[in-house]
N, C-alpha and C. Protein backbone atom coordinates (compact mmCIF):
# COMPACT_ATOMS: atom_id res chain seq x y z
N MET A 1 76.89 32.24 134.08
CA MET A 1 76.68 32.77 135.44
C MET A 1 75.17 32.00 136.10
N GLY A 2 75.16 32.34 137.36
CA GLY A 2 74.04 31.87 138.25
C GLY A 2 73.68 32.53 138.56
N MET A 3 72.68 32.82 139.88
CA MET A 3 72.44 32.76 141.00
C MET A 3 71.11 32.38 141.97
N ARG A 4 71.76 32.69 143.59
CA ARG A 4 70.17 32.76 143.83
C ARG A 4 70.13 33.54 145.02
N GLY A 5 70.89 34.85 144.92
CA GLY A 5 70.67 35.90 145.93
C GLY A 5 71.38 37.16 144.75
N LEU A 6 70.97 38.09 145.79
CA LEU A 6 71.81 39.33 145.73
C LEU A 6 73.61 39.24 146.30
N GLY A 7 74.19 39.90 145.09
CA GLY A 7 75.39 39.73 145.73
C GLY A 7 76.14 38.17 145.03
N GLU A 8 75.78 37.62 144.81
CA GLU A 8 76.31 36.21 144.18
C GLU A 8 76.73 36.18 143.13
N ILE A 9 76.83 36.68 142.15
CA ILE A 9 76.78 37.24 140.49
C ILE A 9 78.20 38.13 141.08
N LYS A 10 77.94 39.02 141.86
CA LYS A 10 78.89 40.13 142.55
C LYS A 10 80.30 39.21 142.96
N THR A 11 80.55 38.20 143.73
CA THR A 11 81.43 37.45 144.46
C THR A 11 81.83 36.50 143.37
N LEU A 12 80.87 36.22 142.49
CA LEU A 12 81.30 35.69 141.00
C LEU A 12 82.89 36.32 140.21
N THR A 13 82.05 37.55 139.46
CA THR A 13 82.44 38.30 138.90
C THR A 13 83.95 38.88 139.39
N ASP A 14 83.99 39.20 140.45
CA ASP A 14 85.43 39.54 141.59
C ASP A 14 86.88 38.21 141.05
N PHE A 15 85.91 37.20 141.53
CA PHE A 15 86.79 36.51 140.82
C PHE A 15 87.44 35.68 139.59
N ILE A 16 86.49 35.72 138.83
CA ILE A 16 86.32 35.90 137.07
C ILE A 16 85.71 36.60 136.51
N PRO A 17 86.62 38.63 136.46
CA PRO A 17 85.89 38.91 135.78
C PRO A 17 85.39 38.77 134.23
N PRO A 18 84.34 39.01 133.68
CA PRO A 18 83.70 38.55 132.42
C PRO A 18 84.30 40.09 131.59
N ASP A 19 84.45 39.23 130.13
CA ASP A 19 84.69 40.61 129.21
C ASP A 19 83.47 40.42 128.34
N LEU A 20 82.47 40.09 127.82
CA LEU A 20 80.97 39.82 127.75
C LEU A 20 79.43 39.01 128.89
N ALA A 21 79.02 39.71 129.40
CA ALA A 21 77.47 40.10 129.41
C ALA A 21 76.63 39.91 128.56
N VAL A 22 75.95 39.01 128.81
CA VAL A 22 74.32 38.64 128.11
C VAL A 22 73.61 38.79 128.85
N ILE A 23 72.29 39.49 129.37
CA ILE A 23 71.21 39.32 129.60
C ILE A 23 69.78 39.27 129.23
N THR A 24 69.81 38.16 128.71
CA THR A 24 68.55 38.04 128.16
C THR A 24 67.36 38.35 128.68
N ASN A 25 66.67 38.80 129.26
CA ASN A 25 65.28 39.03 130.35
C ASN A 25 65.58 39.20 132.11
N ILE A 26 64.78 40.00 132.39
CA ILE A 26 64.64 39.86 133.65
C ILE A 26 63.44 39.37 134.05
N GLY A 27 63.69 38.36 134.26
CA GLY A 27 61.95 37.85 134.21
C GLY A 27 61.74 37.32 135.79
N GLU A 28 60.72 36.41 135.75
CA GLU A 28 60.24 35.58 137.07
C GLU A 28 60.90 34.60 138.18
N ALA A 29 61.85 33.97 136.78
CA ALA A 29 62.16 32.55 137.27
C ALA A 29 63.15 32.58 138.93
N HIS A 30 63.62 33.58 139.38
CA HIS A 30 64.22 34.13 140.41
C HIS A 30 63.48 34.72 141.45
N ILE A 31 61.76 34.64 141.58
CA ILE A 31 60.70 35.68 141.99
C ILE A 31 60.95 34.99 143.75
N GLY A 32 60.54 33.61 144.07
CA GLY A 32 60.91 32.56 144.87
C GLY A 32 62.56 33.41 145.57
N LEU A 33 63.76 33.69 145.30
CA LEU A 33 64.63 33.49 145.54
C LEU A 33 64.84 35.02 146.40
N LEU A 34 64.02 36.06 145.49
CA LEU A 34 64.96 37.24 145.10
C LEU A 34 63.35 38.16 146.02
N GLY A 35 62.11 37.45 145.50
CA GLY A 35 61.23 38.35 145.90
C GLY A 35 60.75 39.70 145.02
N SER A 36 61.29 39.95 144.40
CA SER A 36 60.91 41.01 143.31
C SER A 36 61.78 40.91 141.44
N LYS A 37 60.95 41.85 141.20
CA LYS A 37 61.64 41.56 139.91
C LYS A 37 62.25 43.04 139.77
N ASP A 38 62.20 43.45 140.86
CA ASP A 38 63.33 45.12 140.87
C ASP A 38 64.56 44.41 141.41
N ASN A 39 64.25 43.37 142.42
CA ASN A 39 65.18 42.18 143.21
C ASN A 39 66.26 41.82 142.27
N ILE A 40 65.64 41.31 141.07
CA ILE A 40 66.04 40.38 140.00
C ILE A 40 66.74 40.97 139.55
N PHE A 41 65.89 42.32 139.07
CA PHE A 41 67.21 43.41 137.73
C PHE A 41 68.61 43.49 138.61
N LYS A 42 68.46 44.02 140.10
CA LYS A 42 69.54 44.58 140.86
C LYS A 42 70.43 43.08 140.65
N ALA A 43 70.03 41.83 141.44
CA ALA A 43 70.74 40.94 141.24
C ALA A 43 71.55 40.64 139.77
N LYS A 44 71.05 40.59 138.33
CA LYS A 44 71.51 40.05 136.96
C LYS A 44 72.77 41.95 136.65
N SER A 45 72.34 42.89 137.18
CA SER A 45 73.16 44.17 136.73
C SER A 45 74.09 43.59 137.74
N GLU A 46 74.42 43.53 138.41
CA GLU A 46 76.12 42.92 138.91
C GLU A 46 77.23 42.44 137.86
N LEU A 47 76.43 41.62 136.96
CA LEU A 47 77.17 41.16 135.81
C LEU A 47 77.34 42.10 134.59
N LEU A 48 76.06 43.03 134.93
CA LEU A 48 76.98 44.15 133.66
C LEU A 48 78.11 45.30 134.50
N GLN A 49 77.48 45.90 136.31
CA GLN A 49 78.48 46.55 136.60
C GLN A 49 80.15 46.06 136.40
N SER A 50 80.18 44.44 136.41
CA SER A 50 81.37 43.65 136.31
C SER A 50 82.17 44.42 135.02
N LEU A 51 81.72 45.32 133.98
CA LEU A 51 82.31 44.58 133.06
C LEU A 51 83.47 45.52 133.04
N ASP A 52 84.78 45.78 132.59
CA ASP A 52 85.64 46.52 132.35
C ASP A 52 85.36 47.60 131.34
N LYS A 53 86.00 48.79 130.80
CA LYS A 53 85.93 49.62 129.89
C LYS A 53 86.14 49.21 128.77
N ASP A 54 86.37 47.98 128.48
CA ASP A 54 86.38 47.50 126.84
C ASP A 54 85.70 46.02 126.82
N GLY A 55 84.78 46.03 127.81
CA GLY A 55 83.58 44.85 127.53
C GLY A 55 82.99 45.09 127.00
N ILE A 56 81.90 44.15 126.94
CA ILE A 56 80.65 43.95 125.60
C ILE A 56 79.50 43.35 126.14
N ALA A 57 78.89 43.98 126.69
CA ALA A 57 76.96 43.83 126.70
C ALA A 57 76.65 43.47 125.46
N ILE A 58 75.40 42.24 125.97
CA ILE A 58 74.15 42.43 124.86
C ILE A 58 73.25 41.99 125.91
N ILE A 59 71.98 42.83 125.49
CA ILE A 59 70.73 43.53 125.90
C ILE A 59 69.50 42.95 125.42
N ASN A 60 68.62 42.46 125.96
CA ASN A 60 67.33 42.15 125.33
C ASN A 60 66.01 43.63 125.22
N ARG A 61 66.34 43.90 123.73
CA ARG A 61 66.12 45.45 124.06
C ARG A 61 64.41 45.41 124.02
N ASP A 62 63.72 44.53 124.32
CA ASP A 62 62.31 44.57 124.15
C ASP A 62 62.07 44.24 126.20
N ASP A 63 62.87 44.41 126.77
CA ASP A 63 62.45 43.92 128.62
C ASP A 63 62.47 45.79 128.92
N PRO A 64 61.57 45.27 129.70
CA PRO A 64 61.55 46.60 130.12
C PRO A 64 61.80 47.02 131.02
N TYR A 65 63.30 46.38 131.23
CA TYR A 65 64.27 46.82 132.07
C TYR A 65 65.73 47.41 131.21
N PHE A 66 65.04 47.43 129.88
CA PHE A 66 66.31 47.72 128.87
C PHE A 66 67.42 48.69 129.50
N PHE A 67 66.10 50.14 129.24
CA PHE A 67 66.90 51.60 129.99
C PHE A 67 67.56 51.84 130.67
N LYS A 68 67.24 50.50 131.92
CA LYS A 68 68.31 50.48 133.14
C LYS A 68 69.17 50.22 133.34
N MET A 69 69.32 48.94 132.46
CA MET A 69 70.97 48.20 132.12
C MET A 69 71.22 49.21 131.37
N LEU A 70 70.41 50.05 130.13
CA LEU A 70 71.77 50.67 129.43
C LEU A 70 72.17 51.91 130.12
N GLU A 71 71.97 52.30 131.13
CA GLU A 71 72.07 53.33 132.25
C GLU A 71 74.19 52.82 132.50
N ILE A 72 73.58 51.35 133.24
CA ILE A 72 74.83 50.78 133.79
C ILE A 72 75.78 50.26 133.03
N VAL A 73 75.70 50.24 131.19
CA VAL A 73 76.91 50.17 130.32
C VAL A 73 77.11 50.82 129.34
N LYS A 74 76.87 52.30 130.27
CA LYS A 74 77.14 52.86 129.42
C LYS A 74 78.52 53.66 128.96
N GLY A 75 79.10 53.90 127.54
CA GLY A 75 80.80 54.21 127.67
C GLY A 75 81.00 52.40 127.21
N LYS A 76 80.14 51.56 127.16
CA LYS A 76 80.77 49.91 126.67
C LYS A 76 80.37 49.69 125.47
N LYS A 77 80.82 48.78 124.53
CA LYS A 77 80.10 48.34 123.32
C LYS A 77 78.88 47.83 124.12
N ILE A 78 78.07 47.93 123.15
CA ILE A 78 76.63 47.52 123.07
C ILE A 78 75.68 46.63 122.06
N TYR A 79 75.28 45.54 122.33
CA TYR A 79 74.66 45.12 121.12
C TYR A 79 73.36 44.87 121.93
N THR A 80 72.18 45.20 121.23
CA THR A 80 70.78 44.55 121.41
C THR A 80 69.73 43.56 120.44
N PHE A 81 69.21 43.18 120.99
CA PHE A 81 68.57 41.68 120.27
C PHE A 81 67.00 42.02 120.48
N GLY A 82 65.82 41.59 120.13
CA GLY A 82 64.69 41.87 120.15
C GLY A 82 63.71 41.21 119.42
N ILE A 83 62.41 41.57 119.18
CA ILE A 83 61.40 41.27 118.65
C ILE A 83 60.79 42.61 118.26
N GLU A 84 59.89 43.27 118.90
CA GLU A 84 59.37 44.19 118.70
C GLU A 84 60.22 45.48 118.93
N ASN A 85 61.15 45.81 119.72
CA ASN A 85 62.02 46.79 119.14
C ASN A 85 62.95 47.07 118.38
N ARG A 86 63.20 48.09 117.77
CA ARG A 86 64.41 48.23 117.05
C ARG A 86 65.15 47.50 117.52
N SER A 87 66.22 46.78 117.25
CA SER A 87 67.93 46.61 117.71
C SER A 87 68.66 46.18 116.63
N ASP A 88 69.63 45.56 117.03
CA ASP A 88 70.52 45.29 116.05
C ASP A 88 70.60 43.88 115.60
N ILE A 89 69.83 43.25 116.26
CA ILE A 89 69.81 41.53 115.98
C ILE A 89 68.18 41.34 116.13
N MET A 90 67.41 41.00 115.43
CA MET A 90 65.51 41.26 114.89
C MET A 90 65.14 39.62 114.91
N ALA A 91 64.11 39.22 114.95
CA ALA A 91 63.33 38.13 114.51
C ALA A 91 62.33 38.82 114.52
N ARG A 92 61.57 38.57 112.94
CA ARG A 92 60.48 39.64 112.32
C ARG A 92 59.78 38.26 111.87
N ASN A 93 58.81 37.90 111.53
CA ASN A 93 57.77 37.38 111.37
C ASN A 93 57.71 35.42 111.22
N ILE A 94 57.56 35.75 112.89
CA ILE A 94 57.67 34.90 113.85
C ILE A 94 56.26 33.79 113.23
N ARG A 95 57.13 32.55 112.94
CA ARG A 95 55.44 31.80 112.67
C ARG A 95 55.76 29.91 113.48
N MET A 96 55.20 29.50 113.73
CA MET A 96 55.27 27.78 114.08
C MET A 96 54.63 27.34 112.47
N VAL A 97 56.02 26.42 112.59
CA VAL A 97 55.29 26.00 111.20
C VAL A 97 55.56 24.36 112.01
N SER A 98 55.41 23.69 112.88
CA SER A 98 55.18 22.72 113.01
C SER A 98 55.15 22.20 114.96
N ASP A 99 54.76 21.24 115.30
CA ASP A 99 54.28 21.20 116.52
C ASP A 99 56.35 21.06 117.60
N LYS A 100 57.66 20.80 116.55
CA LYS A 100 58.54 21.05 116.91
C LYS A 100 58.46 22.45 116.76
N GLY A 101 58.96 23.18 115.73
CA GLY A 101 59.96 24.18 115.86
C GLY A 101 59.06 25.44 115.16
N MET A 102 59.76 26.29 114.87
CA MET A 102 58.94 28.07 114.10
C MET A 102 59.99 28.18 113.37
N ARG A 103 59.80 29.32 112.47
CA ARG A 103 60.21 29.70 111.68
C ARG A 103 60.72 31.66 111.87
N PHE A 104 61.61 31.91 111.00
CA PHE A 104 61.42 33.01 111.08
C PHE A 104 62.47 34.16 110.42
N THR A 105 62.42 35.77 110.22
CA THR A 105 63.57 35.94 109.40
C THR A 105 63.93 36.80 110.41
N LEU A 106 65.37 36.36 110.69
CA LEU A 106 66.28 36.73 111.40
C LEU A 106 67.23 38.32 110.79
N GLU A 107 67.22 39.19 111.55
CA GLU A 107 67.79 40.89 110.68
C GLU A 107 68.93 40.69 111.39
N VAL A 108 70.25 41.29 110.41
CA VAL A 108 71.05 41.83 111.42
C VAL A 108 71.64 43.31 111.34
N GLN A 109 72.09 43.61 111.94
CA GLN A 109 72.02 45.42 111.97
C GLN A 109 71.36 45.99 111.41
N ASN A 110 70.30 45.71 110.92
CA ASN A 110 68.94 46.01 110.14
C ASN A 110 69.83 45.83 108.16
N ASP A 111 70.52 45.42 108.08
CA ASP A 111 71.54 45.27 106.39
C ASP A 111 71.32 43.59 106.11
N LYS A 112 71.20 42.23 106.89
CA LYS A 112 71.17 41.60 106.52
C LYS A 112 69.95 40.71 106.65
N SER A 113 69.96 40.14 105.65
CA SER A 113 68.54 38.80 106.91
C SER A 113 68.66 37.77 106.06
N ARG A 114 68.20 37.17 107.30
CA ARG A 114 68.16 34.93 106.69
C ARG A 114 66.74 34.17 107.21
N GLU A 115 66.54 33.49 106.11
CA GLU A 115 65.19 32.68 106.84
C GLU A 115 65.60 31.65 107.67
N ILE A 116 65.45 31.66 108.95
CA ILE A 116 65.80 30.47 109.95
C ILE A 116 64.60 29.67 110.15
N TYR A 117 64.93 28.28 110.46
CA TYR A 117 63.88 27.41 111.19
C TYR A 117 65.00 27.10 112.46
N PHE A 118 64.14 27.12 113.17
CA PHE A 118 64.37 26.85 114.92
C PHE A 118 63.61 25.60 115.43
N PRO A 119 64.30 24.63 116.34
CA PRO A 119 64.03 23.38 116.55
C PRO A 119 62.95 23.67 117.84
N LEU A 120 62.66 24.43 117.98
CA LEU A 120 62.03 24.81 119.21
C LEU A 120 61.03 26.21 119.48
N LEU A 121 59.76 25.46 120.33
CA LEU A 121 58.89 26.59 120.74
C LEU A 121 58.79 27.61 121.53
N GLY A 122 58.26 28.22 122.03
CA GLY A 122 58.06 29.32 122.58
C GLY A 122 59.12 30.95 122.24
N ARG A 123 58.16 31.90 122.16
CA ARG A 123 59.07 33.12 122.22
C ARG A 123 60.31 33.11 122.65
N TYR A 124 60.19 32.61 124.17
CA TYR A 124 61.31 32.87 124.86
C TYR A 124 62.68 32.35 124.73
N ASN A 125 61.92 31.37 123.63
CA ASN A 125 63.47 30.79 123.04
C ASN A 125 63.93 31.66 121.88
N ILE A 126 63.09 32.61 121.14
CA ILE A 126 63.63 32.98 119.95
C ILE A 126 64.83 34.05 120.31
N TYR A 127 63.97 34.13 121.79
CA TYR A 127 65.28 35.50 122.37
C TYR A 127 66.52 35.24 123.35
N ASN A 128 66.03 33.85 123.61
CA ASN A 128 68.10 33.00 123.70
C ASN A 128 68.54 32.87 122.53
N ALA A 129 67.69 32.62 121.41
CA ALA A 129 68.81 32.27 119.97
C ALA A 129 69.20 33.89 119.39
N LEU A 130 68.51 35.12 119.42
CA LEU A 130 69.23 35.99 118.82
C LEU A 130 69.86 36.52 119.97
N ALA A 131 69.95 36.12 121.56
CA ALA A 131 70.88 36.65 122.17
C ALA A 131 72.52 35.60 121.69
N ALA A 132 72.04 34.23 121.39
CA ALA A 132 73.38 34.26 120.73
C ALA A 132 74.00 33.82 119.50
N VAL A 133 73.57 35.33 118.97
CA VAL A 133 73.61 35.40 117.10
C VAL A 133 74.64 36.67 117.81
């Protein structure tokens, strides 16, 4: 789901309620439309607020708004992903191996790990990949 302003996600989720919500980050991509990161958080949190009691939230553990997001989804099934902070899904030992890709160790719930080649550059793309796992 996308949004260009406050209330747009709520309108969409009222029409089609989600059973899964993924928040990759509270960044500055929408700052021109919403004016501040706090407003971006408010807009994106409409997705988390729309989850029913059996809904699943997937949240970036490294995001500065993580604990605010966690408050909203209290009592729901939550999975976290991250690079810096202990998470359910983590990337460790990230390194660029060419001008076209990166390698990292994918850790899943502190139990399983696998070496991954990822054919995109940029830390933000690693976060997107972790959210998809």
